[in-house]
Amino acid sequence: MPTVLLSNARTAGRRWLGAFLLAGLAGCGSAHPTKAPPSYGQRVDAVCLQVHQALAALPKPTSARELSSYLRRGVTLSRPYFGRLEAVRAPAAQTALSRQAVFLSRREVDLTAMLADALDRTGNPRLAIRRLAPEFDRVTSAENQSWRMLGAPECGKGATGDSGAGVPS
């Protein structure tokens, strides 16, 4: 009889220990689930969100005379972010599209600088914008599409943080 009790106690103890270990192992990772690393689109979107927030914080021009300096401040503020965008490594399958998107973003900022120059020369915002609008439209359309294809909707909003051409009207 004592052998049977001892055997039953050992079996119960093993079952208890086994159940305890299984419960512990089953809970491994579930108490602190690991998050997937951010995608390329999420990482570049974080950079774009920062520049869009910085641009949104600039005081808006209240007259045509202030427009040129407003655009120049935006250009100056935007340019350092390109290095940060380029530092985010795209997956091999997206490298070419990523380079294109950054190139087009740079082109949009270059066009904004050209617009500021044109405003200084002409003093006429409508004329300056009209001359550059076709190029702005072409570049920003391709830029926004590229970023969206990369899964970066914030970057796809353009320099103004919306889907517009990045030129105040």
Protein backbone atom coordinates (compact mmCIF):
# COMPACT_ATOMS: atom_id res chain seq x y z
CA MET A 1 0.00 0.00 0.00
CA PRO A 2 2.70 2.58 0.80
CA THR A 3 4.34 1.78 -2.55
CA VAL A 4 1.08 2.48 -4.37
CA LEU A 5 0.61 5.78 -2.52
CA LEU A 6 4.19 6.78 -3.20
CA SER A 7 3.79 5.85 -6.86
CA ASN A 8 0.52 7.82 -7.09
CA ALA A 9 2.18 10.80 -5.38
CA ARG A 10 5.08 10.70 -7.84
CA THR A 11 2.70 10.46 -10.79
CA ALA A 12 0.57 13.31 -9.47
CA GLY A 13 3.71 15.35 -8.81
CA ARG A 14 4.99 14.73 -12.33
CA ARG A 15 1.62 15.65 -13.79
CA TRP A 16 1.51 18.80 -11.69
CA LEU A 17 5.08 19.70 -12.69
CA GLY A 18 4.34 18.93 -16.34
CA ALA A 19 1.17 21.02 -16.29
CA PHE A 20 3.04 23.85 -14.56
CA LEU A 21 5.83 23.76 -17.16
CA LEU A 22 3.38 23.59 -20.06
CA ALA A 23 1.40 26.50 -18.69
CA GLY A 24 4.59 28.50 -18.29
CA LEU A 25 5.83 27.64 -21.76
CA ALA A 26 2.45 28.33 -23.30
CA GLY A 27 2.59 31.79 -21.79
CA CYS A 28 6.09 32.52 -23.07
CA GLY A 29 5.92 35.48 -25.38
CA SER A 30 2.24 36.06 -24.89
CA ALA A 31 2.73 38.19 -21.78
CA HIS A 32 4.99 40.50 -23.81
CA PRO A 33 4.15 39.97 -27.46
CA THR A 34 6.89 41.05 -29.79
CA LYS A 35 5.98 43.63 -32.35
CA ALA A 36 7.09 43.22 -35.90
CA PRO A 37 9.80 45.71 -36.79
CA PRO A 38 8.44 48.77 -38.57
CA SER A 39 8.23 48.45 -42.33
CA TYR A 40 10.20 50.65 -44.70
CA GLY A 41 7.08 52.72 -45.34
CA GLN A 42 6.50 53.26 -41.63
CA ARG A 43 10.10 54.32 -41.05
CA VAL A 44 10.18 56.88 -43.87
CA ASP A 45 6.69 58.06 -42.92
CA ALA A 46 8.06 58.93 -39.47
CA VAL A 47 10.64 61.19 -41.14
CA CYS A 48 8.02 62.76 -43.42
CA LEU A 49 5.70 63.36 -40.48
CA GLN A 50 8.46 65.30 -38.73
CA VAL A 51 9.09 67.55 -41.72
CA HIS A 52 5.37 68.05 -42.32
CA GLN A 53 4.88 69.06 -38.69
CA ALA A 54 7.83 71.46 -38.87
CA LEU A 55 6.46 73.00 -42.08
CA ALA A 56 2.99 73.31 -40.57
CA ALA A 57 4.50 75.23 -37.65
CA LEU A 58 5.88 77.95 -39.94
CA PRO A 59 3.88 81.16 -39.76
CA LYS A 60 1.74 81.36 -42.87
CA PRO A 61 2.22 84.32 -45.19
CA THR A 62 -0.45 86.96 -44.92
CA SER A 63 0.46 88.78 -48.12
CA ALA A 64 1.99 88.09 -51.51
CA ARG A 65 5.12 89.93 -50.38
CA GLU A 66 5.66 87.39 -47.58
CA LEU A 67 5.20 84.37 -49.82
CA SER A 68 8.76 84.23 -51.13
CA SER A 69 10.37 84.23 -47.68
CA TYR A 70 7.82 81.67 -46.46
CA LEU A 71 8.74 79.35 -49.33
CA ARG A 72 12.47 79.82 -48.67
CA ARG A 73 12.03 78.95 -44.98
CA GLY A 74 10.21 75.79 -46.05
CA VAL A 75 12.98 74.87 -48.48
CA THR A 76 15.66 75.45 -45.85
CA LEU A 77 13.74 73.42 -43.31
CA SER A 78 13.06 70.52 -45.73
CA ARG A 79 16.51 69.89 -47.18
CA PRO A 80 18.14 68.24 -44.13
CA TYR A 81 15.44 65.59 -44.08
CA PHE A 82 16.59 64.10 -47.39
CA GLY A 83 19.67 62.65 -45.72
CA ARG A 84 17.42 61.05 -43.13
CA LEU A 85 15.17 59.59 -45.84
CA GLU A 86 18.17 58.21 -47.70
CA ALA A 87 19.53 56.69 -44.47
CA VAL A 88 16.46 54.45 -44.19
CA ARG A 89 17.35 51.30 -46.09
CA ALA A 90 14.65 50.08 -48.44
CA PRO A 91 14.21 46.37 -49.07
CA ALA A 92 16.06 45.26 -52.20
CA ALA A 93 12.82 44.97 -54.17
CA GLN A 94 11.94 48.61 -53.35
CA THR A 95 15.35 50.26 -53.71
CA ALA A 96 14.79 51.74 -57.17
CA LEU A 97 11.33 53.04 -56.29
CA SER A 98 12.67 54.48 -53.03
CA ARG A 99 15.45 56.34 -54.86
CA GLN A 100 12.90 57.67 -57.33
CA ALA A 101 10.61 58.88 -54.53
CA VAL A 102 13.45 60.70 -52.74
CA PHE A 103 14.65 62.20 -56.04
CA LEU A 104 11.15 63.48 -56.80
CA SER A 105 10.81 64.88 -53.27
CA ARG A 106 14.08 66.76 -53.77
CA ARG A 107 12.78 68.00 -57.10
CA GLU A 108 9.62 69.30 -55.45
CA VAL A 109 11.72 71.28 -52.96
CA ASP A 110 13.94 72.56 -55.80
CA LEU A 111 10.83 73.72 -57.66
CA THR A 112 9.67 75.47 -54.52
CA ALA A 113 13.00 77.34 -54.41
CA MET A 114 12.55 78.22 -58.09
CA LEU A 115 9.09 79.53 -57.29
CA ALA A 116 10.52 81.76 -54.56
CA ASP A 117 13.08 83.09 -57.07
CA ALA A 118 10.33 83.70 -59.64
CA LEU A 119 8.28 85.56 -57.03
CA ASP A 120 11.25 87.79 -56.25
CA ARG A 121 11.76 88.52 -59.97
CA THR A 122 8.15 89.08 -60.98
CA GLY A 123 6.47 90.15 -57.76
CA ASN A 124 3.40 88.41 -59.17
CA PRO A 125 2.46 85.15 -57.37
CA ARG A 126 -0.11 84.12 -59.98
CA LEU A 127 2.32 84.50 -62.84
CA ALA A 128 5.11 82.68 -60.99
CA ILE A 129 2.84 79.82 -59.96
CA ARG A 130 1.28 79.53 -63.41
CA ARG A 131 4.72 79.14 -65.02
CA LEU A 132 5.79 76.37 -62.67
CA ALA A 133 2.44 74.66 -62.08
CA PRO A 134 2.73 72.06 -64.88
CA GLU A 135 6.13 70.89 -63.58
CA PHE A 136 4.89 70.92 -59.96
CA ASP A 137 1.86 68.87 -60.95
CA ARG A 138 3.94 66.32 -62.85
CA VAL A 139 6.58 65.95 -60.15
CA THR A 140 4.24 65.85 -57.16
CA SER A 141 1.89 63.40 -58.84
CA ALA A 142 4.75 60.97 -59.55
CA GLU A 143 6.29 61.62 -56.11
CA ASN A 144 3.07 60.98 -54.21
CA GLN A 145 2.35 57.83 -56.22
CA SER A 146 5.86 56.52 -55.55
CA TRP A 147 5.60 57.06 -51.80
CA ARG A 148 2.17 55.44 -51.66
CA MET A 149 3.46 52.42 -53.57
CA LEU A 150 6.18 52.16 -50.93
CA GLY A 151 3.56 52.11 -48.17
CA ALA A 152 4.41 55.62 -47.00
CA PRO A 153 1.14 57.59 -47.11
CA GLU A 154 2.52 60.47 -45.01
CA CYS A 155 5.35 60.97 -47.50
CA GLY A 156 2.76 60.67 -50.25
CA LYS A 157 1.08 63.83 -48.99
CA GLY A 158 3.80 66.00 -50.48
CA ALA A 159 5.77 68.79 -48.85
CA THR A 160 2.69 70.63 -47.70
CA GLY A 161 1.37 67.63 -45.81
CA ASP A 162 -1.58 67.31 -48.14
CA SER A 163 -2.01 65.95 -51.62
CA GLY A 164 -1.49 69.35 -53.21
CA ALA A 165 1.47 70.50 -55.22
CA GLY A 166 3.26 72.07 -52.29
CA VAL A 167 2.61 75.58 -53.51
CA PRO A 168 0.44 77.90 -51.44
CA SER A 169 -2.23 79.41 -53.64
